[in-house]
Amino acid sequence: MNVILDNLKSVIATYAGVSAGDISNESTLEELDVDSIFTVELILEIEKHHGVRLSLDDIVNEDSLTDLADRIQKAASAVSA
């Protein structure tokens, strides 16, 4: 899951113009000022890098980046099972 979390932080850091190291694993997308347009881009990045498609609701309803990474991991496991 660390690879997934690191990827999320990298993508968000690029968008937000900050260092990935400055983003907490427990940050929410709302705390990071991620808007709906970037959320759609994040969905596409997740699909590209991890092979799973999540809905907008899946993304915005997670409490933290750790929770989102966990959801991606579970979805990827289900796809490969």
Protein backbone atom coordinates (compact mmCIF):
# COMPACT_ATOMS: atom_id res chain seq x y z
CA MET A 1 0.00 0.00 0.00
CA ASN A 2 2.95 2.35 0.51
CA VAL A 3 3.53 2.47 -3.25
CA ILE A 4 -0.09 3.48 -3.78
CA LEU A 5 0.06 6.09 -1.04
CA ASP A 6 3.34 7.49 -2.38
CA ASN A 7 1.81 7.70 -5.87
CA LEU A 8 -1.25 9.55 -4.55
CA LYS A 9 0.91 12.00 -2.64
CA SER A 10 3.13 12.58 -5.68
CA VAL A 11 0.20 13.30 -7.98
CA ILE A 12 -1.46 15.60 -5.44
CA ALA A 13 1.82 17.36 -4.66
CA THR A 14 2.32 18.14 -8.34
CA TYR A 15 -1.21 19.56 -8.52
CA ALA A 16 -0.88 21.55 -5.29
CA GLY A 17 2.64 22.78 -5.98
CA VAL A 18 4.05 21.36 -2.74
CA SER A 19 6.47 18.62 -1.80
CA ALA A 20 5.00 15.13 -1.40
CA GLY A 21 6.83 15.00 1.93
CA ASP A 22 4.69 17.90 3.14
CA ILE A 23 1.49 15.90 2.65
CA SER A 24 0.34 13.83 5.62
CA ASN A 25 -0.99 10.32 5.10
CA GLU A 26 -3.98 11.40 7.16
CA SER A 27 -4.74 14.47 5.03
CA THR A 28 -8.09 14.64 3.32
CA LEU A 29 -8.58 15.85 -0.23
CA GLU A 30 -10.62 18.72 1.18
CA GLU A 31 -7.74 19.77 3.44
CA LEU A 32 -5.46 19.71 0.40
CA ASP A 33 -7.88 21.98 -1.53
CA VAL A 34 -8.42 19.36 -4.23
CA ASP A 35 -11.27 20.58 -6.43
CA SER A 36 -13.70 18.51 -8.49
CA ILE A 37 -11.76 18.96 -11.73
CA PHE A 38 -8.57 17.64 -10.19
CA THR A 39 -10.52 14.84 -8.53
CA VAL A 40 -11.53 13.61 -11.99
CA GLU A 41 -7.88 13.81 -13.08
CA LEU A 42 -6.94 11.84 -9.95
CA ILE A 43 -9.46 9.14 -10.90
CA LEU A 44 -7.76 8.86 -14.31
CA GLU A 45 -4.30 8.69 -12.71
CA ILE A 46 -5.47 5.95 -10.34
CA GLU A 47 -6.84 3.97 -13.27
CA LYS A 48 -3.65 4.49 -15.29
CA HIS A 49 -1.24 3.54 -12.50
CA HIS A 50 -3.22 0.92 -10.60
CA GLY A 51 -5.67 -0.53 -13.11
CA VAL A 52 -8.81 0.24 -11.14
CA ARG A 53 -11.62 2.67 -11.80
CA LEU A 54 -13.14 4.41 -8.81
CA SER A 55 -16.15 6.69 -8.86
CA LEU A 56 -16.09 10.31 -7.81
CA ASP A 57 -18.02 9.30 -4.67
CA ASP A 58 -15.40 6.65 -3.88
CA ILE A 59 -12.71 9.30 -3.94
CA VAL A 60 -14.39 12.14 -2.05
CA ASN A 61 -15.95 9.95 0.64
CA GLU A 62 -12.64 8.65 1.98
CA ASP A 63 -11.50 10.14 5.27
CA SER A 64 -7.77 10.28 4.46
CA LEU A 65 -5.19 9.46 1.83
CA THR A 66 -4.43 6.28 3.77
CA ASP A 67 -8.10 5.27 3.48
CA LEU A 68 -8.09 6.06 -0.23
CA ALA A 69 -4.92 4.02 -0.77
CA ASP A 70 -6.56 1.13 1.10
CA ARG A 71 -9.63 1.36 -1.16
CA ILE A 72 -7.40 1.30 -4.25
CA GLN A 73 -5.52 -1.72 -2.90
CA LYS A 74 -8.76 -3.62 -2.23
CA ALA A 75 -10.13 -2.75 -5.68
CA ALA A 76 -6.88 -3.83 -7.36
CA SER A 77 -6.93 -7.11 -5.42
CA ALA A 78 -10.51 -7.75 -6.51
CA VAL A 79 -9.62 -7.12 -10.16
CA SER A 80 -6.69 -9.52 -10.08
CA ALA A 81 -8.58 -12.25 -8.19
